Structures are given as structure tokens and as C-alpha cells.
Protein backbone atom coordinates (compact mmCIF):
# COMPACT_ATOMS: atom_id res chain seq x y z
CA MET A 1 -136.94 28.53 109.43
CA THR A 2 -134.43 29.22 107.08
CA SER A 3 -134.02 27.78 103.39
CA VAL A 4 -131.47 25.46 102.61
CA GLN A 5 -129.64 26.68 100.07
CA TYR A 6 -127.73 23.09 99.44
CA ASP A 7 -128.86 19.25 99.33
CA ALA A 8 -125.17 18.61 100.52
CA VAL A 9 -122.33 20.50 101.10
CA ILE A 10 -118.74 18.53 100.79
CA VAL A 11 -115.45 19.53 102.20
CA GLY A 12 -112.33 18.01 99.92
CA ALA A 13 -111.96 17.54 96.35
CA GLY A 14 -109.83 14.78 96.63
CA PHE A 15 -110.93 11.10 95.59
CA ALA A 16 -112.71 11.07 98.29
CA GLY A 17 -114.86 13.68 97.43
CA ILE A 18 -115.17 12.65 93.94
CA GLY A 19 -116.96 9.45 95.47
CA ALA A 20 -119.11 11.21 97.48
CA ALA A 21 -120.23 13.14 94.96
CA ILE A 22 -120.51 10.51 92.34
CA GLN A 23 -122.99 8.71 94.90
CA LEU A 24 -124.98 11.56 95.33
CA LYS A 25 -125.35 12.10 91.50
CA ARG A 26 -126.51 8.24 91.39
CA MET A 27 -129.12 8.96 93.88
CA GLY A 28 -130.46 11.75 92.12
CA TYR A 29 -129.01 14.50 94.06
CA GLU A 30 -127.60 17.56 91.96
CA ASN A 31 -127.91 20.68 94.59
CA PHE A 32 -124.32 20.26 96.10
CA VAL A 33 -121.12 22.02 96.17
CA ILE A 34 -117.59 20.15 96.66
CA LEU A 35 -115.34 23.20 98.60
CA ASP A 36 -111.57 22.62 98.71
CA ARG A 37 -108.89 24.94 99.71
CA GLU A 38 -106.28 24.41 96.83
CA ASP A 39 -106.27 25.25 93.49
CA ASP A 40 -107.34 22.31 92.14
CA LEU A 41 -108.92 19.15 92.33
CA GLY A 42 -106.86 15.64 93.41
CA GLY A 43 -106.36 16.39 97.02
CA THR A 44 -102.77 14.48 98.17
CA TRP A 45 -102.31 14.01 94.33
CA TYR A 46 -102.43 17.68 93.66
CA VAL A 47 -100.39 18.95 96.59
CA ASN A 48 -97.77 16.42 96.52
CA HIS A 49 -95.50 16.66 93.30
CA TYR A 50 -92.21 15.88 95.01
CA PRO A 51 -89.61 14.15 92.44
CA GLY A 52 -90.01 10.32 92.74
CA LEU A 53 -93.67 10.45 93.23
CA ALA A 54 -95.45 7.00 92.70
CA VAL A 55 -98.35 5.37 94.26
CA ASP A 56 -97.23 2.69 96.29
CA VAL A 57 -100.09 0.21 95.55
CA PRO A 58 -100.31 -1.40 92.35
CA THR A 59 -102.52 0.85 90.27
CA THR A 60 -104.06 -2.05 88.93
CA THR A 61 -105.78 -1.82 92.68
CA TYR A 62 -105.44 1.72 93.24
CA SER A 63 -108.60 2.66 91.61
CA TYR A 64 -112.33 2.89 91.99
CA PHE A 65 -114.28 -0.27 91.51
CA PHE A 66 -116.56 0.90 89.11
CA GLU A 67 -113.80 3.11 86.98
CA PRO A 68 -110.73 1.25 85.98
CA ASN A 69 -108.51 2.73 83.90
CA PRO A 70 -106.92 0.94 81.15
CA ASN A 71 -103.64 3.15 80.52
CA TRP A 72 -101.83 3.15 83.15
CA SER A 73 -98.12 3.44 82.01
CA ARG A 74 -96.80 0.54 85.09
CA LEU A 75 -97.64 -1.41 87.70
CA PHE A 76 -96.81 1.13 90.10
CA SER A 77 -97.97 4.67 88.52
CA THR A 78 -96.79 8.01 88.91
CA GLY A 79 -97.97 10.81 90.50
CA THR A 80 -98.77 12.80 87.61
CA GLU A 81 -100.75 9.79 86.10
CA ILE A 82 -102.82 9.78 89.24
CA LYS A 83 -103.78 13.51 89.14
CA GLN A 84 -104.65 12.69 85.50
CA TYR A 85 -106.98 9.94 86.57
CA ALA A 86 -108.57 12.11 89.05
CA ASP A 87 -108.89 14.57 86.50
CA GLY A 88 -110.81 11.94 83.95
CA VAL A 89 -113.09 10.75 86.75
CA ALA A 90 -113.93 14.10 87.71
CA ASP A 91 -114.98 14.84 84.19
CA LYS A 92 -116.27 11.53 83.44
CA TYR A 93 -119.26 11.81 85.87
CA ASP A 94 -119.78 15.73 85.72
CA VAL A 95 -118.55 16.50 89.41
CA ARG A 96 -116.22 18.90 88.66
CA ARG A 97 -119.07 21.45 87.79
CA HIS A 98 -119.85 21.07 91.50
CA MET A 99 -116.30 22.43 92.90
CA ARG A 100 -115.33 25.88 94.69
CA PHE A 101 -111.50 25.99 94.92
CA ARG A 102 -109.84 28.14 96.77
CA THR A 103 -112.15 28.14 99.67
CA VAL A 104 -111.36 27.63 102.88
CA VAL A 105 -113.89 26.09 105.08
CA GLN A 106 -113.25 27.13 109.17
CA GLY A 107 -116.54 25.20 110.70
CA ALA A 108 -119.64 23.45 110.59
CA ARG A 109 -122.22 23.83 113.06
CA TRP A 110 -125.96 21.91 113.14
CA ASP A 111 -128.64 24.11 112.97
CA GLU A 112 -131.37 22.36 115.36
CA GLU A 113 -134.42 24.89 114.30
CA ALA A 114 -133.39 24.88 110.57
CA GLN A 115 -132.54 20.83 110.78
CA ALA A 116 -129.59 21.71 108.42
CA TRP A 117 -125.92 22.58 108.45
CA ARG A 118 -124.59 26.02 108.82
CA VAL A 119 -120.88 25.70 107.02
CA SER A 120 -118.50 28.71 107.30
CA VAL A 121 -116.03 29.66 105.01
CA ALA A 122 -112.82 32.14 105.75
CA ASP A 123 -114.23 34.93 103.70
CA GLY A 124 -117.06 35.24 105.80
CA GLU A 125 -119.78 33.48 103.65
CA THR A 126 -121.51 30.67 105.49
CA LEU A 127 -123.44 28.10 103.11
CA THR A 128 -126.43 25.63 104.36
CA ALA A 129 -126.93 22.52 103.56
CA ARG A 130 -128.91 19.35 104.64
CA TYR A 131 -126.27 17.29 104.89
CA LEU A 132 -122.56 17.51 105.12
CA PHE A 133 -119.65 15.11 104.12
CA THR A 134 -116.10 15.92 105.23
CA ALA A 135 -113.98 14.12 102.87
CA THR A 136 -110.89 15.54 104.01
CA GLY A 137 -108.79 12.55 103.78
CA PHE A 138 -106.14 11.21 106.04
CA LEU A 139 -102.99 12.59 104.56
CA SER A 140 -103.93 16.12 104.17
CA GLN A 141 -102.23 18.30 107.18
CA PRO A 142 -98.27 18.29 107.09
CA ARG A 143 -96.68 17.78 110.22
CA LEU A 144 -93.67 20.31 110.91
CA PRO A 145 -91.01 18.76 113.15
CA GLU A 146 -90.71 20.73 116.20
CA ILE A 147 -86.69 20.85 116.24
CA PRO A 148 -85.34 24.20 117.92
CA GLY A 149 -83.48 26.55 115.71
CA ILE A 150 -85.28 25.29 112.62
CA GLU A 151 -87.04 28.65 112.08
CA THR A 152 -83.68 30.43 112.06
CA PHE A 153 -82.29 28.61 109.39
CA ASP A 154 -80.77 30.80 106.30
CA GLY A 155 -81.14 28.25 103.57
CA ARG A 156 -83.92 27.13 101.97
CA VAL A 157 -86.65 25.01 103.66
CA LEU A 158 -88.78 22.46 101.29
CA HIS A 159 -91.80 20.60 102.97
CA THR A 160 -92.75 17.63 100.67
CA THR A 161 -96.01 18.98 100.52
CA ALA A 162 -94.98 22.51 99.16
CA TRP A 163 -92.42 21.15 96.54
CA ASP A 164 -90.92 23.98 94.30
CA ASP A 165 -90.64 22.38 90.51
CA SER A 166 -88.09 24.77 90.38
CA TYR A 167 -85.81 23.47 92.79
CA ASP A 168 -82.54 22.33 91.47
CA PRO A 169 -80.02 20.18 94.21
CA THR A 170 -77.54 19.75 92.06
CA GLY A 171 -74.14 20.69 93.57
CA GLU A 172 -76.06 21.33 96.71
CA ARG A 173 -75.31 19.97 100.36
CA VAL A 174 -78.74 18.99 101.29
CA GLY A 175 -80.13 17.10 104.50
CA ILE A 176 -83.77 15.41 104.50
CA ILE A 177 -85.34 14.57 107.63
CA GLY A 178 -87.60 11.60 107.64
CA THR A 179 -87.70 8.10 106.35
CA GLY A 180 -90.99 7.38 106.03
CA ALA A 181 -92.89 6.14 102.46
CA THR A 182 -92.59 9.61 101.33
CA ALA A 183 -88.63 9.81 101.82
CA VAL A 184 -88.21 6.08 100.48
CA GLN A 185 -89.40 7.60 97.43
CA LEU A 186 -87.57 11.17 97.25
CA ILE A 187 -84.27 10.53 98.59
CA PRO A 188 -82.70 8.34 95.86
CA GLU A 189 -84.02 11.21 93.23
CA LEU A 190 -82.15 14.06 95.58
CA ALA A 191 -78.93 11.38 95.74
CA LYS A 192 -78.71 11.61 91.77
CA LYS A 193 -77.87 15.18 91.93
CA ALA A 194 -77.12 16.44 95.46
CA ALA A 195 -73.16 16.98 95.92
CA ASP A 196 -73.96 15.76 99.55
CA LEU A 197 -76.76 14.29 100.83
CA THR A 198 -77.27 13.93 104.78
CA VAL A 199 -80.57 11.68 106.03
CA TYR A 200 -81.92 11.95 109.16
CA GLN A 201 -83.25 9.13 110.46
CA ARG A 202 -85.65 8.49 113.58
CA THR A 203 -87.42 5.42 113.17
CA PRO A 204 -86.60 3.22 110.02
CA ILE A 205 -89.11 1.70 107.81
CA TRP A 206 -89.27 -1.65 106.24
CA VAL A 207 -88.76 -1.95 102.67
CA ALA A 208 -89.76 -4.64 100.35
CA PRO A 209 -88.58 -5.26 97.09
CA LYS A 210 -90.69 -3.61 94.00
CA LEU A 211 -92.02 -5.71 91.72
CA ASP A 212 -92.52 -3.08 88.72
CA PHE A 213 -92.76 -3.06 85.28
CA ARG A 214 -93.93 -0.78 82.02
CA ILE A 215 -97.46 -2.10 81.00
CA SER A 216 -97.27 -2.87 77.37
CA GLU A 217 -99.06 -1.20 74.92
CA ARG A 218 -100.65 -4.41 73.69
CA ALA A 219 -101.88 -5.07 76.93
CA LYS A 220 -103.42 -1.53 77.33
CA ARG A 221 -105.57 -2.02 74.38
CA LEU A 222 -106.57 -5.52 75.77
CA PHE A 223 -107.52 -3.98 79.03
CA ALA A 224 -109.42 -1.18 76.67
CA ARG A 225 -111.19 -4.00 74.42
CA ILE A 226 -112.14 -6.31 77.12
CA PRO A 227 -112.46 -4.95 80.45
CA LEU A 228 -113.10 -8.00 82.27
CA THR A 229 -109.31 -8.90 81.39
CA GLN A 230 -108.16 -6.09 83.70
CA ARG A 231 -110.69 -6.83 86.19
CA ILE A 232 -109.27 -10.14 86.56
CA VAL A 233 -105.68 -8.38 87.01
CA ARG A 234 -107.59 -6.41 89.95
CA ALA A 235 -108.95 -9.36 91.40
CA ILE A 236 -105.22 -10.45 91.77
CA THR A 237 -103.65 -7.76 92.97
CA ASP A 238 -106.49 -7.19 95.48
CA THR A 239 -106.19 -10.80 96.64
CA ILE A 240 -102.45 -10.34 97.74
CA TYR A 241 -103.02 -7.21 99.52
CA GLU A 242 -105.94 -8.72 101.31
CA MET A 243 -104.02 -11.73 101.99
CA MET A 244 -101.16 -9.29 103.23
CA ILE A 245 -103.32 -7.25 105.46
CA ASN A 246 -105.42 -9.99 106.97
CA VAL A 247 -103.03 -13.01 107.50
CA GLY A 248 -100.15 -10.62 108.13
CA VAL A 249 -101.75 -8.18 110.58
CA VAL A 250 -105.43 -8.55 111.28
CA HIS A 251 -104.99 -12.14 112.70
CA TYR A 252 -101.75 -11.97 114.08
CA ARG A 253 -103.16 -14.19 117.06
CA VAL A 254 -103.30 -17.12 115.04
CA PRO A 255 -99.62 -19.05 115.34
CA LEU A 256 -99.26 -19.74 111.23
CA PHE A 257 -100.27 -15.71 110.33
CA ARG A 258 -97.16 -14.73 112.84
CA ARG A 259 -94.54 -16.76 111.00
CA LEU A 260 -95.99 -15.14 108.07
CA ASN A 261 -95.64 -11.88 108.92
CA ILE A 262 -91.56 -12.95 110.01
CA SER A 263 -91.38 -14.22 106.68
CA ALA A 264 -92.25 -10.95 105.35
CA MET A 265 -89.52 -9.60 107.61
CA ASP A 266 -87.12 -11.36 106.15
CA LEU A 267 -88.17 -10.67 102.81
CA CYS A 268 -87.38 -6.98 103.32
CA LYS A 269 -83.80 -7.99 105.42
CA ILE A 270 -83.30 -9.77 102.39
CA ASN A 271 -83.78 -6.81 100.09
CA GLN A 272 -81.84 -4.58 102.45
CA PHE A 273 -78.83 -7.12 102.30
CA ILE A 274 -78.68 -7.56 98.61
CA GLN A 275 -78.14 -3.64 98.42
CA VAL A 276 -76.18 -2.96 101.32
CA ARG A 277 -73.27 -5.18 102.27
CA ASP A 278 -71.89 -2.95 105.97
CA LYS A 279 -72.93 -4.52 108.35
CA ASP A 280 -73.55 -1.75 110.94
CA LEU A 281 -75.49 0.51 108.15
CA ARG A 282 -77.93 -2.65 108.04
CA ARG A 283 -78.10 -2.61 111.54
CA ARG A 284 -78.92 1.13 111.63
CA LEU A 285 -81.60 0.85 108.47
CA THR A 286 -83.48 -2.30 110.05
CA PRO A 287 -86.17 -1.23 112.33
CA ASP A 288 -86.63 -3.11 115.71
CA TYR A 289 -90.62 -3.04 115.40
CA ASP A 290 -92.82 -5.87 113.71
CA ILE A 291 -93.83 -4.95 109.61
CA GLY A 292 -97.20 -3.58 109.70
CA CYS A 293 -97.05 -1.73 113.09
CA LYS A 294 -96.40 1.14 110.51
CA ARG A 295 -97.24 1.49 106.72
CA PRO A 296 -94.29 -0.76 104.65
CA THR A 297 -93.23 0.47 101.36
CA PHE A 298 -91.77 -0.86 98.39
CA SER A 299 -88.03 -0.10 96.66
CA ASN A 300 -85.43 -1.38 94.78
CA SER A 301 -83.25 1.88 95.14
CA TYR A 302 -83.45 3.04 98.65
CA PHE A 303 -81.13 0.67 100.78
CA ARG A 304 -78.24 1.07 97.67
CA THR A 305 -78.44 5.03 98.03
CA PHE A 306 -77.30 4.63 101.02
CA THR A 307 -73.98 2.94 99.92
CA LYS A 308 -72.88 5.89 97.78
CA PRO A 309 -70.33 7.88 99.10
CA HIS A 310 -71.75 11.25 99.36
CA VAL A 311 -74.90 9.94 101.22
CA HIS A 312 -74.68 9.81 104.63
CA LEU A 313 -77.12 8.21 107.19
CA GLN A 314 -77.68 10.00 110.22
CA SER A 315 -79.55 7.84 113.23
CA ASP A 316 -78.32 9.41 116.18
CA GLY A 317 -80.44 12.40 116.96
CA ILE A 318 -80.97 15.98 116.19
CA ASP A 319 -79.98 18.70 118.94
CA HIS A 320 -80.80 21.64 117.15
CA VAL A 321 -80.94 23.38 113.61
CA ALA A 322 -78.26 26.59 113.31
CA ALA A 323 -78.48 29.19 110.43
CA ASP A 324 -76.05 27.11 108.28
CA GLY A 325 -76.97 23.62 109.02
CA ILE A 326 -78.03 20.82 111.61
CA VAL A 327 -76.57 20.59 115.03
CA ASN A 328 -76.62 16.51 115.61
CA ALA A 329 -76.94 15.06 118.78
CA ASP A 330 -73.01 13.86 119.63
CA GLY A 331 -72.08 18.02 118.85
CA THR A 332 -70.85 17.62 115.27
CA LYS A 333 -72.65 20.15 112.73
CA THR A 334 -73.55 19.28 109.21
CA VAL A 335 -73.30 22.36 106.99
CA ILE A 336 -76.28 21.78 104.29
CA ASP A 337 -77.74 24.25 101.65
CA THR A 338 -81.37 23.10 101.88
CA LEU A 339 -83.59 21.24 104.27
CA VAL A 340 -85.96 18.79 102.92
CA LEU A 341 -88.91 17.98 105.63
CA ALA A 342 -89.65 14.78 104.56
CA THR A 343 -91.88 14.59 108.03
CA GLY A 344 -95.05 13.35 106.94
CA PHE A 345 -98.92 14.48 107.92
CA ASP A 346 -100.67 15.36 111.62
CA LEU A 347 -103.43 12.90 111.55
CA TRP A 348 -104.68 13.16 115.01
CA GLU A 349 -104.04 16.59 116.54
CA ALA A 350 -105.04 18.62 113.00
CA ASN A 351 -107.12 15.93 111.01
CA PHE A 352 -109.59 14.85 113.60
CA PRO A 353 -111.72 16.30 112.66
CA ALA A 354 -109.76 18.66 109.80
CA ILE A 355 -112.40 21.52 110.49
CA GLU A 356 -114.35 22.17 113.41
CA VAL A 357 -117.71 20.57 113.77
CA ILE A 358 -120.29 21.39 116.42
CA GLY A 359 -123.45 19.01 116.47
CA ARG A 360 -126.63 18.63 118.46
CA GLU A 361 -126.58 20.43 122.24
CA GLY A 362 -123.37 22.17 121.37
CA ARG A 363 -121.08 19.19 121.06
CA ASN A 364 -117.34 19.74 119.63
CA LEU A 365 -116.36 16.66 117.46
CA GLY A 366 -112.96 16.68 118.15
CA LYS A 367 -113.36 17.71 122.00
CA TRP A 368 -115.82 14.48 122.20
CA TRP A 369 -113.26 12.16 120.71
CA ARG A 370 -110.61 13.34 122.41
CA GLU A 371 -112.56 13.26 125.38
CA ASN A 372 -114.06 9.87 124.99
CA ARG A 373 -112.06 7.90 122.76
CA PHE A 374 -111.69 7.84 119.10
CA GLN A 375 -114.76 6.53 117.65
CA ALA A 376 -117.39 6.28 114.68
CA TYR A 377 -119.88 3.41 113.46
CA GLN A 378 -118.92 2.10 110.57
CA GLY A 379 -115.91 4.23 110.08
CA VAL A 380 -118.29 7.58 109.50
CA SER A 381 -121.13 8.65 111.80
CA MET A 382 -121.53 9.81 115.24
CA PRO A 383 -124.30 10.30 117.52
CA TYR A 384 -125.17 13.85 117.98
CA PHE A 385 -124.19 14.88 114.71
CA PRO A 386 -127.15 14.56 112.09
CA ASN A 387 -126.95 14.08 108.72
CA TYR A 388 -123.03 14.35 108.91
CA LEU A 389 -121.04 11.45 107.26
CA SER A 390 -117.42 11.70 108.00
CA LEU A 391 -115.37 9.99 105.24
CA ALA A 392 -111.60 10.48 107.39
CA SER A 393 -112.65 9.06 110.58
CA PRO A 394 -111.66 6.37 113.40
CA TYR A 395 -112.32 2.90 112.21
CA ALA A 396 -112.24 4.02 108.71
CA PHE A 397 -109.24 3.15 106.62
CA LEU A 398 -108.89 -0.23 105.14
CA GLY A 399 -105.53 -2.14 105.03
CA LEU A 400 -103.59 -0.26 102.12
CA ASN A 401 -105.52 0.76 99.48
CA PHE A 402 -107.73 4.25 100.08
CA PHE A 403 -110.27 2.82 97.27
CA ASN A 404 -111.20 0.12 99.10
CA THR A 405 -112.38 2.47 101.81
CA MET A 406 -114.19 4.65 99.80
CA GLU A 407 -115.53 1.95 98.07
CA TYR A 408 -117.63 0.71 101.03
CA GLN A 409 -118.51 4.16 102.15
CA MET A 410 -120.25 4.83 99.05
CA ARG A 411 -122.35 1.60 99.49
CA LEU A 412 -123.33 2.31 103.21
CA MET A 413 -124.44 5.84 101.27
CA ASP A 414 -126.61 4.18 98.98
CA ARG A 415 -128.16 2.05 101.69
CA LEU A 416 -128.40 4.84 104.18
CA PHE A 417 -129.82 7.48 101.42
CA GLY A 418 -131.89 4.73 99.94
CA GLU A 419 -133.84 4.42 102.89
CA LEU A 420 -134.11 8.37 103.62
CA GLN A 421 -135.48 8.42 100.21
CA ARG A 422 -138.09 5.36 100.48
CA ARG A 423 -139.56 6.77 103.75
CA GLY A 424 -139.56 10.66 102.07
CA ALA A 425 -137.62 11.65 105.37
CA THR A 426 -134.79 14.07 105.73
CA THR A 427 -132.72 13.68 108.85
CA PHE A 428 -130.70 10.43 110.02
CA GLU A 429 -128.47 10.26 113.22
CA VAL A 430 -126.44 7.20 114.35
CA THR A 431 -128.19 5.67 117.66
CA GLU A 432 -125.90 6.18 120.73
CA GLN A 433 -126.23 1.85 121.48
CA ALA A 434 -125.23 1.12 117.69
CA ASN A 435 -122.21 3.22 118.09
CA ALA A 436 -121.20 2.09 121.47
CA ASP A 437 -121.75 -1.51 120.38
CA TYR A 438 -119.49 -1.04 117.00
CA LEU A 439 -116.93 0.60 119.06
CA ASP A 440 -116.58 -2.75 121.69
CA ARG A 441 -116.69 -4.68 118.04
CA MET A 442 -113.83 -3.03 116.86
CA THR A 443 -111.78 -3.01 120.00
CA GLU A 444 -112.13 -6.97 120.28
CA LEU A 445 -111.00 -7.11 116.47
CA LEU A 446 -108.12 -5.39 117.32
CA GLY A 447 -107.37 -7.69 120.22
CA ASP A 448 -106.24 -10.25 118.00
CA SER A 449 -104.74 -7.97 115.26
CA LEU A 450 -100.27 -7.39 115.02
CA TRP A 451 -101.01 -3.44 116.01
CA THR A 452 -102.34 -5.07 119.77
CA LEU A 453 -100.05 -8.00 119.90
CA GLY A 454 -97.34 -7.20 118.17
CA ASN A 455 -93.81 -5.26 119.00
CA CYS A 456 -95.36 -1.75 117.96
CA ALA A 457 -94.23 0.01 120.84
CA SER A 458 -91.24 2.02 119.00
CA SER A 459 -92.80 2.23 115.49
CA ARG A 460 -93.88 6.02 116.01
CA SER A 461 -96.88 5.14 113.66
CA TYR A 462 -99.91 7.47 112.79
CA TYR A 463 -102.20 4.30 113.05
CA PHE A 464 -101.79 5.16 116.72
CA ASN A 465 -103.87 7.79 118.07
CA PRO A 466 -102.07 9.60 120.93
CA HIS A 467 -103.78 7.27 123.44
CA GLY A 468 -102.09 4.31 122.09
CA GLU A 469 -105.25 2.51 120.22
CA PRO A 470 -104.81 2.06 116.75
CA SER A 471 -108.41 3.32 116.06
CA LEU A 472 -106.95 4.62 112.10
CA LEU A 473 -107.75 1.05 110.68
CA ARG A 474 -111.02 -0.97 110.17
CA PRO A 475 -109.70 -4.70 111.30
CA MET A 476 -111.80 -6.66 108.77
CA SER A 477 -111.32 -7.35 105.07
CA THR A 478 -112.47 -5.52 102.41
CA ARG A 479 -115.03 -7.92 101.71
CA ASP A 480 -116.48 -8.24 105.11
CA ALA A 481 -116.74 -4.24 105.24
CA ILE A 482 -118.45 -3.94 101.89
CA THR A 483 -121.03 -6.64 103.28
CA GLU A 484 -121.36 -4.62 106.41
CA ALA A 485 -121.97 -1.14 104.47
CA SER A 486 -124.58 -2.77 102.28
CA GLU A 487 -126.32 -4.91 104.77
CA PHE A 488 -126.26 -3.02 108.34
CA PRO A 489 -129.47 -2.89 110.21
CA LEU A 490 -131.04 0.39 109.41
CA SER A 491 -132.37 0.72 113.12
CA ASP A 492 -128.81 1.82 113.71
CA TYR A 493 -129.61 4.87 112.64
CA GLN A 494 -132.51 7.23 113.58
CA ILE A 495 -134.72 8.66 110.60
CA SER A 496 -137.17 10.86 110.43
């Protein structure tokens, strides 16, 4: 039997990978490695640094439960501050020394004889580990638009995940494709400098008013001296967000809750009406799907940007890209100098899973998901994949806040690995029956949700897999998810 190099390999050094590492250390594991293809930790908060980047969840809520940060400068903090928070947590909990950067993981295969995972990296090296965690996040594989001629464009092309910090749009004619949450932040910034900005919209987005403000130095000192005060603030913002998800989305079948969902759309329309008086422009900027079908966002400047004379909304479609610009569906051409791609991420084809994972009896995870529905017990485990937790899986994501997802996953790790240690065992695998029962329950719960009952057909939301199932999301409250992760029947796993 081949010796095992590591207790665990974690793929990904974003907040999920950092959280998994902290939990491993809490349970006494020190012999593990975190592999990441980038030059530094932070995941999406390292990769993304486009102008206007900020979190779209209040930063009072956007942090680990166990590690509040009293130093946020604003209610909706900048990407730079989020990255600094990641650095601080990694250093405080001594996980940076476990990280290997510029390491591209190609795949992992379960070795039945060795009862271990063989993890292959791009330089030809193979690592052996008892346990495997994929912490690759949901937003890690950029989506490039399939538009004829885009490769022949002679100007500059920038994807928001590969932003050139030296780029200055001053005086340029800029075209930007996409109007998702990233574009809502970026478009007002580009409009400040560009001579001409054309926004290519396929699907409008619901945008609510943004209640953002600077956090005073006095408040920061109070949070640092009396951490309970910050936890109280977090409890308030958490409750508001939980109510938004559970009342307006998860329990959509209840007539009163449907009314509240409509009220949220009315709020977004009021936000739009205040900033845009042109009736036709408002019509084109208004989604025809229910709020919550895809991720909404917040902004006080997005709609107003379209009222500027040098900013144009193109919502009739793109025919192709020419060498000097974009030819619209109606045959007209817009000449541009720089093309910005705010086209989001490829979740289902490139991210589930982000690497090739081969389990027992040669089962290929990606192939199995596509042929047998996307599924994962408690959002982390699949049968035939022993000693493996996938932290970015179907039915894993809780509402609007990734840290709530990470919190319940760390609780699950604590319960599962605690039982392994209690028994002196080294191997776990979810049973097929437990996995099947969980999938049935998720399907039943989603039957009451907006994603099933609402008008989502035109949303083009990454919440939905290629088969039309909203299987990205875990349809329950954070409290319920944490309770389940802390109390799930240990008999749901075969432990040996």
C-alpha cells in the first residue's frame, strides 16, 4: 500500500478553502495542503479587481461567524477590503503556510487499494491524500460569449475577471456586454471617463436602492472593544436577508409571501423611476421575470447612468463583432475602441465539478451528475466518492451570503470528522439511500419556491442547471441548514 503524503488536499484558496483549513486545524489536522492556480489567496476577491468592485451583501453579514471584522469602512465594503479580510483571517489562523500557489489541479482519482486520493497537478506531480476537498467556489470559471467574430476584434478586449489596472477609458468609445451584478457596479465607473459607452443588454436585472454609508471611527472602536455590539448588528442584517430569501423566495406558495415579492419588484421600479424619466428606457431596463429568479443587486447610480447623453443601451441583440466594432441585430454598427466582457461565469459546464473527479469503480463525477441529475447530500457528499467533500456542489448555496454556506459546511465537517476520530476510522462515504432521500426532499422543498412556481423562464439565471432545475440553491433558512449540518444522522454515512 502506497504511503499517504497528506491527511487532506484542499483545492482552492478562497474563503471556502480557508474555512475548510481552519476547521481541519480545529480538529487537530496539520498535515494538509491548499492548492490554488492563482498567485495569491482570496479566490474571486483576488481575481476580480475591476473599478467599482464591492460586496453586494452588507459586510456586517459578509464574514465568518467566528471572525467578525470591526474595521469595515462602509456597510457595503470594497473588494480591496474583502481581500484584506481574507489575508487577515489566513494569517490569524495560520493557514497561509499550507498554501501552494500557481498550482493547477488537473484531476483527482480515488485509489481503492491505498484508500486515498491521487491528485494530479499540471507539472506532472501527483499528491496522495486521505481526504479531498474541492473549494473552487461557484464563481471561478469565466464565461466568454459565443458571438461570431469576437476573436477578430482589433481593439482591446477585457473580461472583468482579468482586468488591466493600467487601462484608462478616458476619451475612448467603450462597449460592454452584460448587465449582471458585476456590470451594475462597473458601468457607472466606465461612464465617468469614457467618451462614449454602449451597454449591450440581453437580460435586464432587478436593482434595488442601496442603503450604503460610511462606518464611523467611533462605531469601529465600539465593535472592537465590545464584539457583542457587532454581533447584534449582524443579527439584524442577517435577519433582514433571511426574511428576503425565505419569505419572498423559498416559501413563494404562500399568497402573502407572493405579495411581498411583488412589493420588492415595486421598490426596484420606484428606484428606477426616480432616476429614469424616459418611459421607453425604463421599459427596456425592466425585467419581465420575477425578482429572485436570478440574483438581484443594489445600486443608486446604475439607472441614472443611462440618462447621460454619451451612454447608450443596446437591447435588440448583437449580430456579430467586426474588426472595429459591434454590428447590431438591426444591421447598424457601433464603432468601439475597447470591448468589456461582463458576461459572468460558467457554473454548470465548467464548474460542476471544476476538476475531473473519479470515484470508486471509475465513476466520473461530472458525467454522473449530467446523466443522473445534479445532486449532493447536504450539498457536499456523493455516493461512490469516499473521503470527499465538494464545497461548491448542487444544493449547497444558501441564499445571498456565501459565508452562511461555509458556516454550515464547517459544522458538518466537525460532526463527520469528530465521528471518524471517535471510532478510530479513516473512511467515510454517504449511502446511496441517504443521498436519494435528500435529493427527493430538496426537490419537494423547491416545489414551494419562486424558482419553481414563479415566472423565471426568461431570467437566464445561473441558479438553474442545463435541465432547468434550480439545483444550485439549498431551499431553507441558514438556521435550518446549520441545524441539519450539526445533527444529521451519522448512519447516513458508511464509516470504516
